[in-house]
Amino acid sequence: MILVTTNEIVGKKIVKVLGLVRGNTIRARHIGRDIMAALRNIVGGEVTDYTKMMAEAREQSLDRMVAEANALGANAVVGVRFATSFLMTNAAELLAYGTAVIIEDE
């Protein structure tokens, strides 16, 4: 599966557009991580627990989007984007979306 943020893939042509595909996950922060983040706020630097949590959320969202594209018979997703939103205190959604397509070599 080829995933790109562009609307075209160099050397390939889109022969069929299958439609919108998406994958999302909702993650809640852990109280222990919040305490460590507060301490990190005092001394400065990266909050590695949150960095790791968001990286895992991005990968899970992408995996779910790819599964949806595979179910449609796609071999690529173009125009891939991410969006985030806060649903409640200490919880956020990460959404990956794009257009499932079938591509062939030019």
C-alpha atoms as a PDB file:
ATOM      1  CA  MET A   1       0.000   0.000   0.000  1.00  0.00           C
ATOM      2  CA  ILE A   2       1.400   3.376  -1.022  1.00  0.00           C
ATOM      3  CA  LEU A   3       0.459   6.319   1.215  1.00  0.00           C
ATOM      4  CA  VAL A   4       1.195   9.880   0.098  1.00  0.00           C
ATOM      5  CA  THR A   5       0.168  13.353   1.168  1.00  0.00           C
ATOM      6  CA  THR A   6       0.113  14.510  -2.452  1.00  0.00           C
ATOM      7  CA  ASN A   7      -2.787  14.012  -4.864  1.00  0.00           C
ATOM      8  CA  GLU A   8      -0.581  12.239  -7.418  1.00  0.00           C
ATOM      9  CA  ILE A   9       2.199   9.655  -7.336  1.00  0.00           C
ATOM     10  CA  VAL A  10       5.141  10.196  -9.668  1.00  0.00           C
ATOM     11  CA  GLY A  11       5.375   7.406 -12.248  1.00  0.00           C
ATOM     12  CA  LYS A  12       1.877   6.134 -11.482  1.00  0.00           C
ATOM     13  CA  LYS A  13      -1.559   6.937 -12.832  1.00  0.00           C
ATOM     14  CA  ILE A  14      -4.785   6.752 -10.895  1.00  0.00           C
ATOM     15  CA  VAL A  15      -7.124   4.424 -12.757  1.00  0.00           C
ATOM     16  CA  LYS A  16      -9.951   4.360 -10.221  1.00  0.00           C
ATOM     17  CA  VAL A  17     -10.977   6.491  -7.248  1.00  0.00           C
ATOM     18  CA  LEU A  18     -12.641   4.375  -4.570  1.00  0.00           C
ATOM     19  CA  GLY A  19     -13.482   7.116  -2.111  1.00  0.00           C
ATOM     20  CA  LEU A  20     -12.745   8.481   1.326  1.00  0.00           C
ATOM     21  CA  VAL A  21     -11.052   6.222   3.852  1.00  0.00           C
ATOM     22  CA  ARG A  22     -10.303   7.017   7.453  1.00  0.00           C
ATOM     23  CA  GLY A  23      -9.018   5.578  10.668  1.00  0.00           C
ATOM     24  CA  ASN A  24      -9.174   7.041  14.129  1.00  0.00           C
ATOM     25  CA  THR A  25      -8.295   6.396  17.734  1.00  0.00           C
ATOM     26  CA  ILE A  26      -9.120   8.158  20.968  1.00  0.00           C
ATOM     27  CA  ARG A  27      -6.458   8.263  23.630  1.00  0.00           C
ATOM     28  CA  ALA A  28      -6.753   9.307  27.252  1.00  0.00           C
ATOM     29  CA  ARG A  29      -3.844  10.556  29.304  1.00  0.00           C
ATOM     30  CA  HIS A  30      -2.707   8.653  32.371  1.00  0.00           C
ATOM     31  CA  ILE A  31      -2.553  10.459  35.723  1.00  0.00           C
ATOM     32  CA  GLY A  32       1.029   9.270  36.236  1.00  0.00           C
ATOM     33  CA  ARG A  33       2.011  10.773  32.896  1.00  0.00           C
ATOM     34  CA  ASP A  34       0.332  14.037  33.865  1.00  0.00           C
ATOM     35  CA  ILE A  35       2.426  14.224  37.028  1.00  0.00           C
ATOM     36  CA  MET A  36       5.634  13.589  35.070  1.00  0.00           C
ATOM     37  CA  ALA A  37       4.580  16.159  32.456  1.00  0.00           C
ATOM     38  CA  ALA A  38       4.011  18.732  35.195  1.00  0.00           C
ATOM     39  CA  LEU A  39       7.501  18.069  36.536  1.00  0.00           C
ATOM     40  CA  ARG A  40       8.924  18.331  33.006  1.00  0.00           C
ATOM     41  CA  ASN A  41       7.142  21.686  32.698  1.00  0.00           C
ATOM     42  CA  ILE A  42       9.204  22.968  35.597  1.00  0.00           C
ATOM     43  CA  VAL A  43      12.603  21.981  34.197  1.00  0.00           C
ATOM     44  CA  GLY A  44      11.731  22.155  30.489  1.00  0.00           C
ATOM     45  CA  GLY A  45      12.304  19.694  27.677  1.00  0.00           C
ATOM     46  CA  GLU A  46      10.337  17.117  25.759  1.00  0.00           C
ATOM     47  CA  VAL A  47       7.503  15.234  27.433  1.00  0.00           C
ATOM     48  CA  THR A  48       8.535  11.861  26.031  1.00  0.00           C
ATOM     49  CA  ASP A  49       5.534   9.943  27.399  1.00  0.00           C
ATOM     50  CA  TYR A  50       3.166  12.174  25.430  1.00  0.00           C
ATOM     51  CA  THR A  51       5.389  12.022  22.352  1.00  0.00           C
ATOM     52  CA  LYS A  52       5.268   8.232  22.488  1.00  0.00           C
ATOM     53  CA  MET A  53       1.496   8.208  23.067  1.00  0.00           C
ATOM     54  CA  MET A  54       0.848  10.459  20.058  1.00  0.00           C
ATOM     55  CA  ALA A  55       3.205   8.436  17.827  1.00  0.00           C
ATOM     56  CA  GLU A  56       1.326   5.249  18.759  1.00  0.00           C
ATOM     57  CA  ALA A  57      -1.998   6.984  18.075  1.00  0.00           C
ATOM     58  CA  ARG A  58      -0.802   8.115  14.616  1.00  0.00           C
ATOM     59  CA  GLU A  59       0.322   4.587  13.722  1.00  0.00           C
ATOM     60  CA  GLN A  60      -2.945   3.050  14.914  1.00  0.00           C
ATOM     61  CA  SER A  61      -4.973   5.601  12.946  1.00  0.00           C
ATOM     62  CA  LEU A  62      -2.920   4.935   9.808  1.00  0.00           C
ATOM     63  CA  ASP A  63      -3.279   1.166  10.261  1.00  0.00           C
ATOM     64  CA  ARG A  64      -7.057   1.504  10.518  1.00  0.00           C
ATOM     65  CA  MET A  65      -7.190   3.765   7.451  1.00  0.00           C
ATOM     66  CA  VAL A  66      -5.092   1.270   5.458  1.00  0.00           C
ATOM     67  CA  ALA A  67      -7.372  -1.589   6.554  1.00  0.00           C
ATOM     68  CA  GLU A  68     -10.387   0.344   5.251  1.00  0.00           C
ATOM     69  CA  ALA A  69      -8.574   1.044   1.960  1.00  0.00           C
ATOM     70  CA  ASN A  70      -7.622  -2.633   1.618  1.00  0.00           C
ATOM     71  CA  ALA A  71     -11.250  -3.633   2.166  1.00  0.00           C
ATOM     72  CA  LEU A  72     -12.186  -1.440  -0.821  1.00  0.00           C
ATOM     73  CA  GLY A  73      -9.491  -3.043  -2.977  1.00  0.00           C
ATOM     74  CA  ALA A  74      -7.193  -0.008  -3.084  1.00  0.00           C
ATOM     75  CA  ASN A  75      -3.464  -0.227  -3.590  1.00  0.00           C
ATOM     76  CA  ALA A  76      -2.767   3.392  -2.597  1.00  0.00           C
ATOM     77  CA  VAL A  77      -4.163   6.269  -0.572  1.00  0.00           C
ATOM     78  CA  VAL A  78      -3.540   9.818  -1.797  1.00  0.00           C
ATOM     79  CA  GLY A  79      -4.052  13.107  -0.006  1.00  0.00           C
ATOM     80  CA  VAL A  80      -3.356  11.599   3.420  1.00  0.00           C
ATOM     81  CA  ARG A  81      -3.970  14.021   6.276  1.00  0.00           C
ATOM     82  CA  PHE A  82      -4.159  13.960  10.063  1.00  0.00           C
ATOM     83  CA  ALA A  83      -6.591  15.817  12.291  1.00  0.00           C
ATOM     84  CA  THR A  84      -6.854  15.990  16.051  1.00  0.00           C
ATOM     85  CA  SER A  85      -9.598  17.080  18.369  1.00  0.00           C
ATOM     86  CA  PHE A  86     -10.098  17.149  22.093  1.00  0.00           C
ATOM     87  CA  LEU A  87     -13.209  15.281  23.181  1.00  0.00           C
ATOM     88  CA  MET A  88     -13.014  15.880  26.907  1.00  0.00           C
ATOM     89  CA  THR A  89     -10.466  16.700  29.569  1.00  0.00           C
ATOM     90  CA  ASN A  90      -7.492  14.359  29.192  1.00  0.00           C
ATOM     91  CA  ALA A  91      -8.780  12.650  26.016  1.00  0.00           C
ATOM     92  CA  ALA A  92      -8.090  13.393  22.357  1.00  0.00           C
ATOM     93  CA  GLU A  93      -8.980  11.878  18.996  1.00  0.00           C
ATOM     94  CA  LEU A  94      -6.471  11.420  16.217  1.00  0.00           C
ATOM     95  CA  LEU A  95      -7.918  10.913  12.728  1.00  0.00           C
ATOM     96  CA  ALA A  96      -6.066   9.860   9.579  1.00  0.00           C
ATOM     97  CA  TYR A  97      -7.904  10.236   6.276  1.00  0.00           C
ATOM     98  CA  GLY A  98      -7.324  10.233   2.550  1.00  0.00           C
ATOM     99  CA  THR A  99      -8.660   9.033  -0.798  1.00  0.00           C
ATOM    100  CA  ALA A 100      -8.396   5.325  -1.631  1.00  0.00           C
ATOM    101  CA  VAL A 101      -7.347   4.722  -5.230  1.00  0.00           C
ATOM    102  CA  ILE A 102      -6.169   2.047  -7.596  1.00  0.00           C
ATOM    103  CA  ILE A 103      -2.941   2.971  -9.352  1.00  0.00           C
ATOM    104  CA  GLU A 104      -0.941   1.502 -12.205  1.00  0.00           C
ATOM    105  CA  ASP A 105       2.488   2.229 -13.647  1.00  0.00           C
ATOM    106  CA  GLU A 106       2.474   4.888 -16.362  1.00  0.00           C
END
